[in-house]
PDB file of N, CA and C in Angstrom:
ATOM      1  N   MET A   1      98.518 101.883 115.736  1.00  0.00           N
ATOM      2  CA  MET A   1      98.456 102.477 114.577  1.00  0.00           C
ATOM      3  C   MET A   1      97.289 101.864 114.045  1.00  0.00           C
ATOM      4  N   SER A   2      96.311 102.737 113.119  1.00  0.00           N
ATOM      5  CA  SER A   2      95.017 102.223 112.515  1.00  0.00           C
ATOM      6  C   SER A   2      95.441 101.613 111.285  1.00  0.00           C
ATOM      7  N   LYS A   3      94.607 100.737 111.086  1.00  0.00           N
ATOM      8  CA  LYS A   3      94.603 100.078 109.682  1.00  0.00           C
ATOM      9  C   LYS A   3      93.966 101.075 108.675  1.00  0.00           C
ATOM     10  N   VAL A   4      94.414 101.141 107.283  1.00  0.00           N
ATOM     11  CA  VAL A   4      94.076 101.797 106.618  1.00  0.00           C
ATOM     12  C   VAL A   4      93.160 101.088 105.636  1.00  0.00           C
ATOM     13  N   ARG A   5      91.728 101.641 105.401  1.00  0.00           N
ATOM     14  CA  ARG A   5      90.602 101.126 104.677  1.00  0.00           C
ATOM     15  C   ARG A   5      90.609 101.781 103.417  1.00  0.00           C
ATOM     16  N   TRP A   6      90.058 101.067 102.203  1.00  0.00           N
ATOM     17  CA  TRP A   6      89.879 101.884 100.914  1.00  0.00           C
ATOM     18  C   TRP A   6      88.489 102.065 100.462  1.00  0.00           C
ATOM     19  N   GLN A   7      88.150 103.088 100.003  1.00  0.00           N
ATOM     20  CA  GLN A   7      86.813 103.384  99.544  1.00  0.00           C
ATOM     21  C   GLN A   7      86.893 103.695  97.952  1.00  0.00           C
ATOM     22  N   LYS A   8      86.163 102.765  97.167  1.00  0.00           N
ATOM     23  CA  LYS A   8      85.771 103.227  96.046  1.00  0.00           C
ATOM     24  C   LYS A   8      84.993 104.514  95.632  1.00  0.00           C
ATOM     25  N   THR A   9      85.232 105.072  94.459  1.00  0.00           N
ATOM     26  CA  THR A   9      84.573 106.280  93.907  1.00  0.00           C
ATOM     27  C   THR A   9      83.051 105.788  93.682  1.00  0.00           C
ATOM     28  N   SER A  10      82.272 106.600  94.045  1.00  0.00           N
ATOM     29  CA  SER A  10      80.701 106.244  93.522  1.00  0.00           C
ATOM     30  C   SER A  10      80.602 106.238  92.219  1.00  0.00           C
ATOM     31  N   ARG A  11      81.231 106.856  91.234  1.00  0.00           N
ATOM     32  CA  ARG A  11      81.163 106.699  89.904  1.00  0.00           C
ATOM     33  C   ARG A  11      82.161 105.448  89.373  1.00  0.00           C
ATOM     34  N   SER A  12      82.340 104.454  90.200  1.00  0.00           N
ATOM     35  CA  SER A  12      83.297 103.487  89.650  1.00  0.00           C
ATOM     36  C   SER A  12      82.629 102.419  88.648  1.00  0.00           C
ATOM     37  N   HIS A  13      83.019 102.093  87.660  1.00  0.00           N
ATOM     38  CA  HIS A  13      82.823 101.429  86.604  1.00  0.00           C
ATOM     39  C   HIS A  13      82.667  99.857  86.893  1.00  0.00           C
ATOM     40  N   PRO A  14      81.750  99.141  86.469  1.00  0.00           N
ATOM     41  CA  PRO A  14      81.642  97.636  86.832  1.00  0.00           C
ATOM     42  C   PRO A  14      82.843  96.912  86.266  1.00  0.00           C
ATOM     43  N   ASN A  15      83.685  97.151  85.303  1.00  0.00           N
ATOM     44  CA  ASN A  15      84.827  96.851  85.052  1.00  0.00           C
ATOM     45  C   ASN A  15      85.843  96.853  85.805  1.00  0.00           C
ATOM     46  N   GLY A  16      85.831  97.446  87.035  1.00  0.00           N
ATOM     47  CA  GLY A  16      87.021  97.785  87.943  1.00  0.00           C
ATOM     48  C   GLY A  16      87.980  98.781  87.601  1.00  0.00           C
ATOM     49  N   ASN A  17      87.641  99.766  86.555  1.00  0.00           N
ATOM     50  CA  ASN A  17      88.508 100.779  86.201  1.00  0.00           C
ATOM     51  C   ASN A  17      87.995 101.777  87.054  1.00  0.00           C
ATOM     52  N   CYS A  18      88.859 101.976  88.328  1.00  0.00           N
ATOM     53  CA  CYS A  18      88.450 103.326  89.172  1.00  0.00           C
ATOM     54  C   CYS A  18      89.599 103.482  90.282  1.00  0.00           C
ATOM     55  N   VAL A  19      89.531 104.595  90.954  1.00  0.00           N
ATOM     56  CA  VAL A  19      90.448 104.944  91.806  1.00  0.00           C
ATOM     57  C   VAL A  19      89.737 104.677  93.168  1.00  0.00           C
ATOM     58  N   GLU A  20      90.693 104.630  94.275  1.00  0.00           N
ATOM     59  CA  GLU A  20      90.355 104.378  95.599  1.00  0.00           C
ATOM     60  C   GLU A  20      90.979 105.401  96.687  1.00  0.00           C
ATOM     61  N   LEU A  21      90.162 106.090  97.443  1.00  0.00           N
ATOM     62  CA  LEU A  21      90.866 106.737  98.619  1.00  0.00           C
ATOM     63  C   LEU A  21      90.918 106.244  99.849  1.00  0.00           C
ATOM     64  N   SER A  22      92.031 106.364 100.493  1.00  0.00           N
ATOM     65  CA  SER A  22      92.284 105.646 101.975  1.00  0.00           C
ATOM     66  C   SER A  22      91.374 106.284 102.911  1.00  0.00           C
ATOM     67  N   ILE A  23      90.858 105.883 103.980  1.00  0.00           N
ATOM     68  CA  ILE A  23      90.573 106.058 104.971  1.00  0.00           C
ATOM     69  C   ILE A  23      91.397 105.669 106.191  1.00  0.00           C
ATOM     70  N   PRO A  24      92.031 106.658 106.730  1.00  0.00           N
ATOM     71  CA  PRO A  24      91.802 108.138 106.758  1.00  0.00           C
ATOM     72  C   PRO A  24      92.386 108.671 105.330  1.00  0.00           C
ATOM     73  N   ARG A  25      91.870 109.746 105.134  1.00  0.00           N
ATOM     74  CA  ARG A  25      92.137 110.255 103.796  1.00  0.00           C
ATOM     75  C   ARG A  25      93.814 110.633 103.595  1.00  0.00           C
ATOM     76  N   GLY A  26      94.260 110.672 102.430  1.00  0.00           N
ATOM     77  CA  GLY A  26      95.590 111.327 102.134  1.00  0.00           C
ATOM     78  C   GLY A  26      96.265 110.426 101.198  1.00  0.00           C
ATOM     79  N   ARG A  27      95.760 109.204 100.778  1.00  0.00           N
ATOM     80  CA  ARG A  27      96.259 108.292  99.689  1.00  0.00           C
ATOM     81  C   ARG A  27      95.348 107.980  98.900  1.00  0.00           C
ATOM     82  N   MET A  28      95.679 107.506  97.474  1.00  0.00           N
ATOM     83  CA  MET A  28      94.896 107.144  96.328  1.00  0.00           C
ATOM     84  C   MET A  28      95.583 105.934  95.631  1.00  0.00           C
ATOM     85  N   ARG A  29      94.739 105.024  95.103  1.00  0.00           N
ATOM     86  CA  ARG A  29      95.492 103.801  94.303  1.00  0.00           C
ATOM     87  C   ARG A  29      94.489 103.398  93.154  1.00  0.00           C
ATOM     88  N   ASP A  30      95.114 102.568  92.393  1.00  0.00           N
ATOM     89  CA  ASP A  30      94.349 101.924  91.264  1.00  0.00           C
ATOM     90  C   ASP A  30      93.712 100.738  91.885  1.00  0.00           C
ATOM     91  N   SER A  31      92.103 100.819  91.718  1.00  0.00           N
ATOM     92  CA  SER A  31      91.563  99.519  92.281  1.00  0.00           C
ATOM     93  C   SER A  31      91.900  98.228  91.533  1.00  0.00           C
ATOM     94  N   LYS A  32      92.533  98.373  90.399  1.00  0.00           N
ATOM     95  CA  LYS A  32      92.901  97.112  89.809  1.00  0.00           C
ATOM     96  C   LYS A  32      94.066  96.510  90.297  1.00  0.00           C
ATOM     97  N   ASP A  33      94.843  97.335  91.028  1.00  0.00           N
ATOM     98  CA  ASP A  33      96.147  96.958  91.678  1.00  0.00           C
ATOM     99  C   ASP A  33      96.225  97.232  93.026  1.00  0.00           C
ATOM    100  N   PRO A  34      95.632  96.435  94.052  1.00  0.00           N
ATOM    101  CA  PRO A  34      95.454  96.915  95.461  1.00  0.00           C
ATOM    102  C   PRO A  34      96.780  96.719  96.323  1.00  0.00           C
ATOM    103  N   ASP A  35      97.632  96.000  95.684  1.00  0.00           N
ATOM    104  CA  ASP A  35      98.941  95.713  96.204  1.00  0.00           C
ATOM    105  C   ASP A  35     100.119  96.644  95.451  1.00  0.00           C
ATOM    106  N   GLY A  36      99.520  97.439  94.849  1.00  0.00           N
ATOM    107  CA  GLY A  36     100.532  98.367  94.032  1.00  0.00           C
ATOM    108  C   GLY A  36     100.856  99.483  94.634  1.00  0.00           C
ATOM    109  N   PRO A  37     101.414 100.613  93.968  1.00  0.00           N
ATOM    110  CA  PRO A  37     101.811 101.919  94.567  1.00  0.00           C
ATOM    111  C   PRO A  37     100.569 102.566  94.898  1.00  0.00           C
ATOM    112  N   THR A  38     100.719 103.507  95.869  1.00  0.00           N
ATOM    113  CA  THR A  38      99.725 104.466  96.354  1.00  0.00           C
ATOM    114  C   THR A  38     100.457 105.956  96.197  1.00  0.00           C
ATOM    115  N   LEU A  39      99.498 106.675  95.800  1.00  0.00           N
ATOM    116  CA  LEU A  39      99.889 108.264  95.673  1.00  0.00           C
ATOM    117  C   LEU A  39      99.268 109.061  96.657  1.00  0.00           C
ATOM    118  N   PRO A  40     100.264 110.107  97.222  1.00  0.00           N
ATOM    119  CA  PRO A  40      99.672 111.143  98.179  1.00  0.00           C
ATOM    120  C   PRO A  40      98.604 111.941  97.617  1.00  0.00           C
ATOM    121  N   VAL A  41      97.782 112.522  98.137  1.00  0.00           N
ATOM    122  CA  VAL A  41      96.552 113.081  97.507  1.00  0.00           C
ATOM    123  C   VAL A  41      96.060 114.137  98.852  1.00  0.00           C
ATOM    124  N   GLU A  42      95.902 115.413  98.305  1.00  0.00           N
ATOM    125  CA  GLU A  42      95.311 116.233  99.227  1.00  0.00           C
ATOM    126  C   GLU A  42      93.839 116.689  98.542  1.00  0.00           C
ATOM    127  N   VAL A  43      92.796 115.734  99.252  1.00  0.00           N
ATOM    128  CA  VAL A  43      91.477 115.744  98.832  1.00  0.00           C
ATOM    129  C   VAL A  43      90.812 116.912  98.293  1.00  0.00           C
ATOM    130  N   PRO A  44      90.927 117.761  99.098  1.00  0.00           N
ATOM    131  CA  PRO A  44      90.201 119.198  98.821  1.00  0.00           C
ATOM    132  C   PRO A  44      90.810 119.818  97.367  1.00  0.00           C
ATOM    133  N   THR A  45      91.941 119.687  97.038  1.00  0.00           N
ATOM    134  CA  THR A  45      92.600 119.880  95.963  1.00  0.00           C
ATOM    135  C   THR A  45      92.408 119.174  94.796  1.00  0.00           C
ATOM    136  N   LEU A  46      92.137 117.785  95.015  1.00  0.00           N
ATOM    137  CA  LEU A  46      91.784 116.743  93.935  1.00  0.00           C
ATOM    138  C   LEU A  46      90.309 117.319  93.438  1.00  0.00           C
ATOM    139  N   LEU A  47      89.398 117.272  94.465  1.00  0.00           N
ATOM    140  CA  LEU A  47      88.102 117.769  94.233  1.00  0.00           C
ATOM    141  C   LEU A  47      87.911 118.987  93.606  1.00  0.00           C
ATOM    142  N   THR A  48      88.812 120.033  93.710  1.00  0.00           N
ATOM    143  CA  THR A  48      88.431 121.159  93.162  1.00  0.00           C
ATOM    144  C   THR A  48      88.820 120.835  91.611  1.00  0.00           C
ATOM    145  N   ALA A  49      89.965 120.233  91.292  1.00  0.00           N
ATOM    146  CA  ALA A  49      90.699 119.938  90.021  1.00  0.00           C
ATOM    147  C   ALA A  49      89.378 119.050  89.230  1.00  0.00           C
ATOM    148  N   ILE A  50      88.977 118.377  89.747  1.00  0.00           N
ATOM    149  CA  ILE A  50      87.700 117.490  89.286  1.00  0.00           C
ATOM    150  C   ILE A  50      86.643 118.506  88.911  1.00  0.00           C
ATOM    151  N   ARG A  51      86.101 119.128  89.762  1.00  0.00           N
ATOM    152  CA  ARG A  51      85.075 120.075  89.455  1.00  0.00           C
ATOM    153  C   ARG A  51      85.260 120.999  88.484  1.00  0.00           C
ATOM    154  N   GLN A  52      86.438 121.420  88.276  1.00  0.00           N
ATOM    155  CA  GLN A  52      86.913 122.337  87.109  1.00  0.00           C
ATOM    156  C   GLN A  52      87.160 121.659  85.988  1.00  0.00           C
ATOM    157  N   GLY A  53      87.081 120.411  85.784  1.00  0.00           N
ATOM    158  CA  GLY A  53      87.227 119.560  84.594  1.00  0.00           C
ATOM    159  C   GLY A  53      88.708 119.314  84.075  1.00  0.00           C
ATOM    160  N   ARG A  54      89.300 119.360  84.921  1.00  0.00           N
ATOM    161  CA  ARG A  54      90.841 119.151  84.631  1.00  0.00           C
ATOM    162  C   ARG A  54      91.058 117.934  84.205  1.00  0.00           C
ATOM    163  N   PHE A  55      90.443 116.838  84.630  1.00  0.00           N
ATOM    164  CA  PHE A  55      90.579 115.397  84.159  1.00  0.00           C
ATOM    165  C   PHE A  55      89.726 115.072  82.937  1.00  0.00           C
ATOM    166  N   ASP A  56      88.736 115.848  82.525  1.00  0.00           N
ATOM    167  CA  ASP A  56      87.970 115.432  81.461  1.00  0.00           C
ATOM    168  C   ASP A  56      88.760 115.027  80.216  1.00  0.00           C
ATOM    169  N   ARG A  57      88.264 113.936  79.650  1.00  0.00           N
ATOM    170  CA  ARG A  57      88.713 113.409  78.367  1.00  0.00           C
ATOM    171  C   ARG A  57      88.370 114.328  77.102  1.00  0.00           C
ATOM    172  N   ARG A  58      89.001 114.666  76.350  1.00  0.00           N
ATOM    173  CA  ARG A  58      88.596 115.809  75.106  1.00  0.00           C
ATOM    174  C   ARG A  58      88.376 115.038  74.142  1.00  0.00           C
TER     175      ARG A  58
END
């Protein structure tokens, strides 16, 4: 079994508020809580939602 690695987003903030995606893809987590829960994620679906602005603060 291969070990999961984590990659921060290129837009991560210096204060540590960001999400990380697993390598291999399929999970995401809060970078401030690396031992906390992870969520399943379909990366193409997530990227589409981001590009559509579905997570923009209003």
